[in-house]
Amino acid sequence: MMLTTLVENTFLSAVCGEMTEDEAADRIADVLCAANIA
């Protein structure tokens, strides 16, 4: 999955109330850290 798609889907999940903003931020940060390691 492309990084931008993952970030967009995570943002939309937060907007729709499926997760909190903090959970969304943590998920995006985890993905960005993993992308830097790979």
PDB file of N, CA and C in Angstrom:
ATOM      1  N   MET A   1       0.858  -1.184   0.000  1.00  0.00           N
ATOM      2  CA  MET A   1       0.000   0.000   0.000  1.00  0.00           C
ATOM      3  C   MET A   1       0.896   1.235   0.000  1.00  0.00           C
ATOM      4  N   MET A   2       0.517   2.179  -0.782  1.00  0.00           N
ATOM      5  CA  MET A   2       1.303   3.410  -0.849  1.00  0.00           C
ATOM      6  C   MET A   2       1.155   4.195   0.454  1.00  0.00           C
ATOM      7  N   LEU A   3       2.205   4.869   0.813  1.00  0.00           N
ATOM      8  CA  LEU A   3       2.228   5.625   2.059  1.00  0.00           C
ATOM      9  C   LEU A   3       1.122   6.671   2.110  1.00  0.00           C
ATOM     10  N   THR A   4       0.919   7.387   1.020  1.00  0.00           N
ATOM     11  CA  THR A   4      -0.115   8.431   1.022  1.00  0.00           C
ATOM     12  C   THR A   4      -1.502   7.837   1.217  1.00  0.00           C
ATOM     13  N   THR A   5      -1.748   6.673   0.645  1.00  0.00           N
ATOM     14  CA  THR A   5      -3.045   6.013   0.808  1.00  0.00           C
ATOM     15  C   THR A   5      -3.251   5.598   2.255  1.00  0.00           C
ATOM     16  N   LEU A   6      -2.205   5.069   2.875  1.00  0.00           N
ATOM     17  CA  LEU A   6      -2.310   4.659   4.272  1.00  0.00           C
ATOM     18  C   LEU A   6      -2.599   5.852   5.171  1.00  0.00           C
ATOM     19  N   VAL A   7      -1.899   6.953   4.952  1.00  0.00           N
ATOM     20  CA  VAL A   7      -2.115   8.157   5.755  1.00  0.00           C
ATOM     21  C   VAL A   7      -3.531   8.679   5.539  1.00  0.00           C
ATOM     22  N   GLU A   8      -3.980   8.694   4.288  1.00  0.00           N
ATOM     23  CA  GLU A   8      -5.329   9.172   3.986  1.00  0.00           C
ATOM     24  C   GLU A   8      -6.384   8.299   4.656  1.00  0.00           C
ATOM     25  N   ASN A   9      -6.241   6.988   4.572  1.00  0.00           N
ATOM     26  CA  ASN A   9      -7.210   6.084   5.194  1.00  0.00           C
ATOM     27  C   ASN A   9      -7.217   6.232   6.710  1.00  0.00           C
ATOM     28  N   THR A  10      -6.055   6.420   7.300  1.00  0.00           N
ATOM     29  CA  THR A  10      -5.968   6.608   8.745  1.00  0.00           C
ATOM     30  C   THR A  10      -6.629   7.913   9.149  1.00  0.00           C
ATOM     31  N   PHE A  11      -6.390   8.971   8.391  1.00  0.00           N
ATOM     32  CA  PHE A  11      -7.020  10.262   8.660  1.00  0.00           C
ATOM     33  C   PHE A  11      -8.540  10.146   8.571  1.00  0.00           C
ATOM     34  N   LEU A  12      -9.031   9.482   7.534  1.00  0.00           N
ATOM     35  CA  LEU A  12     -10.476   9.326   7.375  1.00  0.00           C
ATOM     36  C   LEU A  12     -11.078   8.497   8.504  1.00  0.00           C
ATOM     37  N   SER A  13     -10.359   7.506   8.984  1.00  0.00           N
ATOM     38  CA  SER A  13     -10.841   6.713  10.116  1.00  0.00           C
ATOM     39  C   SER A  13     -10.992   7.580  11.354  1.00  0.00           C
ATOM     40  N   ALA A  14     -10.065   8.497  11.553  1.00  0.00           N
ATOM     41  CA  ALA A  14     -10.147   9.407  12.698  1.00  0.00           C
ATOM     42  C   ALA A  14     -11.308  10.375  12.527  1.00  0.00           C
ATOM     43  N   VAL A  15     -11.486  10.897  11.323  1.00  0.00           N
ATOM     44  CA  VAL A  15     -12.575  11.841  11.059  1.00  0.00           C
ATOM     45  C   VAL A  15     -13.930  11.167  11.267  1.00  0.00           C
ATOM     46  N   CYS A  16     -14.025   9.909  10.873  1.00  0.00           N
ATOM     47  CA  CYS A  16     -15.294   9.174  10.989  1.00  0.00           C
ATOM     48  C   CYS A  16     -15.529   8.640  12.396  1.00  0.00           C
ATOM     49  N   GLY A  17     -14.579   8.839  13.290  1.00  0.00           N
ATOM     50  CA  GLY A  17     -14.744   8.412  14.674  1.00  0.00           C
ATOM     51  C   GLY A  17     -14.390   6.960  14.921  1.00  0.00           C
ATOM     52  N   GLU A  18     -13.743   6.310  13.964  1.00  0.00           N
ATOM     53  CA  GLU A  18     -13.361   4.913  14.131  1.00  0.00           C
ATOM     54  C   GLU A  18     -12.149   4.763  15.044  1.00  0.00           C
ATOM     55  N   MET A  19     -11.395   5.845  15.208  1.00  0.00           N
ATOM     56  CA  MET A  19     -10.258   5.869  16.125  1.00  0.00           C
ATOM     57  C   MET A  19     -10.058   7.309  16.568  1.00  0.00           C
ATOM     58  N   THR A  20      -9.330   7.481  17.650  1.00  0.00           N
ATOM     59  CA  THR A  20      -9.077   8.833  18.133  1.00  0.00           C
ATOM     60  C   THR A  20      -7.969   9.473  17.304  1.00  0.00           C
ATOM     61  N   GLU A  21      -7.849  10.777  17.423  1.00  0.00           N
ATOM     62  CA  GLU A  21      -6.776  11.479  16.715  1.00  0.00           C
ATOM     63  C   GLU A  21      -5.412  10.999  17.187  1.00  0.00           C
ATOM     64  N   ASP A  22      -5.297  10.711  18.485  1.00  0.00           N
ATOM     65  CA  ASP A  22      -4.024  10.218  19.020  1.00  0.00           C
ATOM     66  C   ASP A  22      -3.672   8.853  18.436  1.00  0.00           C
ATOM     67  N   GLU A  23      -4.668   7.971  18.319  1.00  0.00           N
ATOM     68  CA  GLU A  23      -4.426   6.660  17.719  1.00  0.00           C
ATOM     69  C   GLU A  23      -4.001   6.801  16.259  1.00  0.00           C
ATOM     70  N   ALA A  24      -4.650   7.705  15.549  1.00  0.00           N
ATOM     71  CA  ALA A  24      -4.297   7.937  14.148  1.00  0.00           C
ATOM     72  C   ALA A  24      -2.872   8.470  14.039  1.00  0.00           C
ATOM     73  N   ALA A  25      -2.525   9.413  14.894  1.00  0.00           N
ATOM     74  CA  ALA A  25      -1.172   9.976  14.871  1.00  0.00           C
ATOM     75  C   ALA A  25      -0.133   8.905  15.183  1.00  0.00           C
ATOM     76  N   ASP A  26      -0.420   8.048  16.153  1.00  0.00           N
ATOM     77  CA  ASP A  26       0.500   6.962  16.493  1.00  0.00           C
ATOM     78  C   ASP A  26       0.674   5.997  15.325  1.00  0.00           C
ATOM     79  N   ARG A  27      -0.421   5.665  14.658  1.00  0.00           N
ATOM     80  CA  ARG A  27      -0.356   4.738  13.528  1.00  0.00           C
ATOM     81  C   ARG A  27       0.483   5.332  12.396  1.00  0.00           C
ATOM     82  N   ILE A  28       0.250   6.612  12.108  1.00  0.00           N
ATOM     83  CA  ILE A  28       1.012   7.265  11.038  1.00  0.00           C
ATOM     84  C   ILE A  28       2.489   7.355  11.417  1.00  0.00           C
ATOM     85  N   ALA A  29       2.778   7.693  12.663  1.00  0.00           N
ATOM     86  CA  ALA A  29       4.172   7.775  13.113  1.00  0.00           C
ATOM     87  C   ALA A  29       4.857   6.417  13.011  1.00  0.00           C
ATOM     88  N   ASP A  30       4.160   5.348  13.385  1.00  0.00           N
ATOM     89  CA  ASP A  30       4.735   4.005  13.286  1.00  0.00           C
ATOM     90  C   ASP A  30       5.080   3.658  11.841  1.00  0.00           C
ATOM     91  N   VAL A  31       4.191   4.004  10.925  1.00  0.00           N
ATOM     92  CA  VAL A  31       4.426   3.710   9.506  1.00  0.00           C
ATOM     93  C   VAL A  31       5.605   4.523   8.981  1.00  0.00           C
ATOM     94  N   LEU A  32       5.680   5.792   9.366  1.00  0.00           N
ATOM     95  CA  LEU A  32       6.788   6.628   8.906  1.00  0.00           C
ATOM     96  C   LEU A  32       8.120   6.125   9.445  1.00  0.00           C
ATOM     97  N   CYS A  33       8.140   5.688  10.691  1.00  0.00           N
ATOM     98  CA  CYS A  33       9.374   5.139  11.267  1.00  0.00           C
ATOM     99  C   CYS A  33       9.768   3.852  10.554  1.00  0.00           C
ATOM    100  N   ALA A  34       8.799   3.001  10.275  1.00  0.00           N
ATOM    101  CA  ALA A  34       9.084   1.747   9.573  1.00  0.00           C
ATOM    102  C   ALA A  34       9.602   2.027   8.165  1.00  0.00           C
ATOM    103  N   ALA A  35       9.074   3.043   7.513  1.00  0.00           N
ATOM    104  CA  ALA A  35       9.512   3.387   6.159  1.00  0.00           C
ATOM    105  C   ALA A  35      10.953   3.891   6.172  1.00  0.00           C
ATOM    106  N   ASN A  36      11.352   4.569   7.237  1.00  0.00           N
ATOM    107  CA  ASN A  36      12.726   5.073   7.336  1.00  0.00           C
ATOM    108  C   ASN A  36      13.719   3.947   7.576  1.00  0.00           C
ATOM    109  N   ILE A  37      13.280   2.899   8.254  1.00  0.00           N
ATOM    110  CA  ILE A  37      14.163   1.766   8.557  1.00  0.00           C
ATOM    111  C   ILE A  37      14.346   0.886   7.329  1.00  0.00           C
ATOM    112  N   ALA A  38      13.286   0.729   6.554  1.00  0.00           N
ATOM    113  CA  ALA A  38      13.327  -0.189   5.397  1.00  0.00           C
ATOM    114  C   ALA A  38      14.170   0.325   4.271  1.00  0.00           C
TER     115      ALA A  38
END
